[in-house]
Every structure is written in structure tokens, then in C-alpha cells.
């Protein structure tokens, strides 16, 4: 009997969580443009802390913003759920949001990134997101050996969220 009550309560909670997960049923055109550059990898549970990674796609030689870039992000939340999101950036910017819940014991999330743009080499690398900010994998230096240490992510810590700024520098073919 107790098990049935528990299942009923959990099914009501799960349904409510999915319905109220932040999806906007009424959106306007300019909101869709902003969301087209944003990837949300947040867990379904309530977040204890949140991290926002944002930046631009820039040319490694000229340091100018690259228009029309495709980015795919893949993160495994646990053994059962893998999130795969992609964006088509038209203005050369991106934003990745994720969060960590108090119940989640995971300290670091490894996000696999693949970036493609016409006329540029494909960049496949990993980012490590934690409550303290973002770190990049050493494969980014294999892709672009001229990357300077000043070009690594800059993390700003606040009360319950972190903002990281990082520009992906893409090399021409």
C-alpha cells in the first residue's frame, strides 16, 4: 500500500516537473533568435547551482567573429540519460547552461563539443563544467597550438551561479 502511494506521488511529481520545466508555449520571433544560440543542459531536478558558459566563434588568425557556425554538444548525465543538443549560430555567439543539484553527487560534467563552419577545420574537443567554472581539454591545443593561456575560459563566481566566458578559435582549412 505504501509503495502504491509512493508511485502515485512520484508520477504526479514527474508529470508536474516535465510540464513546468521552463518550456515557453507562447514565444515571439526575437526570443527564438536568442534561444537559437543557447543550449540548455540543465537537469530536470531543481538546481542548487548553475553555470553559464558563453562566448563567440572567432577566426584564429584575424580574431574576427565567424558567422553561420554549427555546434553540437553531448553530455551524459548518468548511465541512462544522454543529452544531445545542437545550435546553428547566425551571429557567431553561443551560450551553454547547465546546473548541479544538491542531491547530485557529480562534481564535474564532461561535455563533448563538435563545431563546424564552412571554410574551417572541424573542432572536436571536451569541456569540463563544474560549480567553479569551465576548463578546456588539452585537445584544444592540439587543434590550435597558437592558443595562448590568456584565451582560456574566464570564470566569475557569484552566489549560486558561475559565468564563464570562452571564445572558440577556429582554424581555416
Protein backbone atom coordinates (compact mmCIF):
# COMPACT_ATOMS: atom_id res chain seq x y z
CA UNK A 1 0.00 0.00 0.00
CA UNK A 2 2.81 2.39 0.89
CA UNK A 3 4.53 1.55 -2.37
CA UNK A 4 1.42 2.47 -4.38
CA UNK A 5 1.16 5.82 -2.62
CA UNK A 6 4.83 6.47 -3.32
CA UNK A 7 4.42 5.61 -7.01
CA UNK A 8 1.38 7.90 -7.29
CA UNK A 9 3.22 10.78 -5.65
CA UNK A 10 6.30 10.30 -7.84
CA UNK A 11 4.25 10.11 -11.03
CA UNK A 12 2.46 13.35 -10.10
CA UNK A 13 5.79 14.99 -9.28
CA UNK A 14 7.39 13.79 -12.53
CA UNK A 15 4.45 14.96 -14.64
CA UNK A 16 4.46 18.35 -12.92
CA UNK A 17 8.22 18.68 -13.36
CA UNK A 18 8.00 17.97 -17.07
CA UNK A 19 5.06 20.31 -17.60
CA UNK A 20 6.62 23.15 -15.63
CA UNK A 21 10.20 22.62 -16.82
CA UNK A 22 10.51 26.10 -18.27
CA UNK A 23 9.33 25.46 -21.80
CA UNK A 24 7.63 28.51 -23.25
CA UNK A 25 4.45 27.74 -25.17
CA UNK A 26 3.98 31.31 -26.37
CA UNK A 27 7.16 32.61 -27.93
CA UNK A 28 7.93 35.57 -30.08
CA UNK A 29 10.28 35.74 -33.05
CA UNK A 30 13.06 37.66 -31.29
CA UNK A 31 13.02 35.19 -28.38
CA UNK A 32 13.55 32.32 -30.82
CA UNK A 33 16.61 34.08 -32.26
CA UNK A 34 18.14 34.38 -28.80
CA UNK A 35 17.32 30.75 -27.97
CA UNK A 36 18.79 29.53 -31.24
CA UNK A 37 22.26 30.34 -29.86
CA UNK A 38 21.59 28.70 -26.49
CA UNK A 39 21.99 25.11 -25.34
CA UNK A 40 20.32 24.13 -22.06
CA UNK A 41 21.77 21.01 -20.44
CA UNK A 42 20.21 21.63 -17.01
CA UNK A 43 18.93 18.61 -15.07
CA UNK A 44 15.19 18.15 -14.57
CA UNK A 45 15.57 18.46 -10.80
CA UNK A 46 15.92 21.81 -9.08
CA UNK A 47 19.38 23.34 -9.42
CA UNK A 48 21.46 24.13 -6.36
CA UNK A 49 24.00 25.97 -8.52
CA UNK A 50 24.08 26.95 -12.18
CA UNK A 51 26.86 27.57 -14.69
CA UNK A 52 26.54 29.64 -17.86
CA UNK A 53 29.27 29.36 -20.49
CA UNK A 54 29.11 31.96 -23.24
CA UNK A 55 31.30 33.39 -25.93
CA UNK A 56 31.89 33.67 -29.66
CA UNK A 57 33.26 31.64 -32.54
CA UNK A 58 36.26 33.57 -33.88
CA UNK A 59 38.89 33.13 -36.58
CA UNK A 60 42.21 32.05 -35.05
CA UNK A 61 44.27 34.33 -37.33
CA UNK A 62 42.19 37.50 -37.67
CA UNK A 63 40.24 37.21 -34.36
CA UNK A 64 37.05 38.26 -36.20
CA UNK A 65 33.67 36.69 -35.41
CA UNK A 66 32.62 33.83 -37.71
CA UNK A 67 29.02 33.84 -38.89
CA UNK A 68 26.98 30.66 -39.52
CA UNK A 69 28.53 28.10 -37.22
CA UNK A 70 27.06 24.74 -36.20
CA UNK A 71 27.76 23.42 -32.70
CA UNK A 72 26.81 20.04 -31.24
CA UNK A 73 27.01 19.32 -27.51
CA UNK A 74 26.78 15.88 -25.95
CA UNK A 75 26.72 15.29 -22.19
CA UNK A 76 25.96 12.12 -20.25
CA UNK A 77 24.03 13.00 -17.10
CA UNK A 78 24.12 9.39 -15.91
CA UNK A 79 24.20 5.92 -17.43
CA UNK A 80 20.64 6.17 -18.71
CA UNK A 81 20.27 9.75 -19.93
CA UNK A 82 22.46 11.38 -22.54
CA UNK A 83 21.64 14.88 -23.70
CA UNK A 84 22.44 15.83 -27.29
CA UNK A 85 21.77 19.42 -28.28
CA UNK A 86 22.82 21.44 -31.30
CA UNK A 87 22.63 25.05 -32.41
CA UNK A 88 23.03 26.92 -35.67
CA UNK A 89 24.59 30.24 -34.72
CA UNK A 90 23.94 33.00 -37.25
CA UNK A 91 25.65 35.82 -35.37
CA UNK A 92 28.73 33.91 -34.16
CA UNK A 93 27.81 33.63 -30.48
CA UNK A 94 26.80 30.74 -28.23
CA UNK A 95 25.61 30.03 -24.70
CA UNK A 96 25.58 26.76 -22.75
CA UNK A 97 23.62 26.48 -19.50
CA UNK A 98 23.78 23.63 -17.04
CA UNK A 99 23.23 23.14 -13.36
CA UNK A 100 24.06 20.96 -10.42
CA UNK A 101 21.51 19.84 -7.86
CA UNK A 102 22.23 19.30 -4.17
CA UNK A 103 21.19 15.65 -4.49
CA UNK A 104 23.52 15.10 -7.45
CA UNK A 105 26.93 13.92 -6.31
CA UNK A 106 28.52 14.68 -9.67
CA UNK A 107 31.26 17.28 -9.28
CA UNK A 108 32.26 17.74 -12.94
CA UNK A 109 30.34 17.32 -16.18
CA UNK A 110 32.26 16.43 -19.30
CA UNK A 111 30.65 17.98 -22.38
CA UNK A 112 31.80 16.79 -25.80
CA UNK A 113 31.70 19.62 -28.34
CA UNK A 114 31.85 19.47 -32.14
CA UNK A 115 31.99 22.75 -34.08
CA UNK A 116 31.73 23.01 -37.86
CA UNK A 117 31.82 26.07 -40.09
CA UNK A 118 32.25 26.44 -43.83
CA UNK A 119 35.91 27.04 -44.72
CA UNK A 120 37.18 26.00 -41.27
CA UNK A 121 38.53 22.77 -39.80
CA UNK A 122 36.10 20.86 -37.58
CA UNK A 123 36.87 21.25 -33.88
CA UNK A 124 36.11 18.25 -31.66
CA UNK A 125 37.00 18.72 -28.02
CA UNK A 126 35.74 18.38 -24.46
CA UNK A 127 34.82 20.98 -21.88
CA UNK A 128 34.72 20.28 -18.17
CA UNK A 129 31.99 22.19 -16.34
CA UNK A 130 31.84 22.37 -12.55
CA UNK A 131 30.40 24.62 -9.87
CA UNK A 132 33.64 26.63 -10.03
CA UNK A 133 33.59 27.21 -13.78
CA UNK A 134 34.79 25.79 -17.08
CA UNK A 135 38.06 24.11 -18.05
CA UNK A 136 39.12 23.01 -21.53
CA UNK A 137 40.63 19.69 -22.60
CA UNK A 138 44.21 19.57 -23.92
CA UNK A 139 42.87 18.56 -27.36
CA UNK A 140 42.08 22.23 -27.97
CA UNK A 141 45.85 22.92 -28.04
CA UNK A 142 46.32 20.05 -30.49
CA UNK A 143 43.78 21.75 -32.74
CA UNK A 144 45.27 25.24 -32.32
CA UNK A 145 48.85 25.24 -30.94
CA UNK A 146 48.94 29.08 -31.10
CA UNK A 147 46.23 29.36 -28.42
CA UNK A 148 47.50 31.46 -25.53
CA UNK A 149 46.89 30.82 -21.87
CA UNK A 150 45.03 34.16 -21.74
CA UNK A 151 42.47 32.69 -24.18
CA UNK A 152 41.30 30.01 -21.73
CA UNK A 153 37.90 30.37 -20.00
CA UNK A 154 37.48 33.23 -17.57
CA UNK A 155 35.27 32.20 -14.65
CA UNK A 156 33.29 34.63 -12.49
CA UNK A 157 31.78 33.15 -9.32
CA UNK A 158 28.59 34.54 -7.79
CA UNK A 159 26.29 33.28 -5.01
CA UNK A 160 24.65 30.26 -6.65
CA UNK A 161 25.82 30.59 -10.25
CA UNK A 162 29.00 30.90 -12.27
CA UNK A 163 29.53 32.73 -15.55
CA UNK A 164 32.37 31.57 -17.81
CA UNK A 165 33.49 33.40 -20.95
CA UNK A 166 35.34 31.50 -23.66
CA UNK A 167 35.83 32.15 -27.37
CA UNK A 168 36.37 29.15 -29.64
CA UNK A 169 39.16 29.97 -32.10
CA UNK A 170 38.67 28.07 -35.36
CA UNK A 171 41.43 27.42 -37.91
CA UNK A 172 40.94 27.77 -41.66
CA UNK A 173 41.25 24.75 -43.97
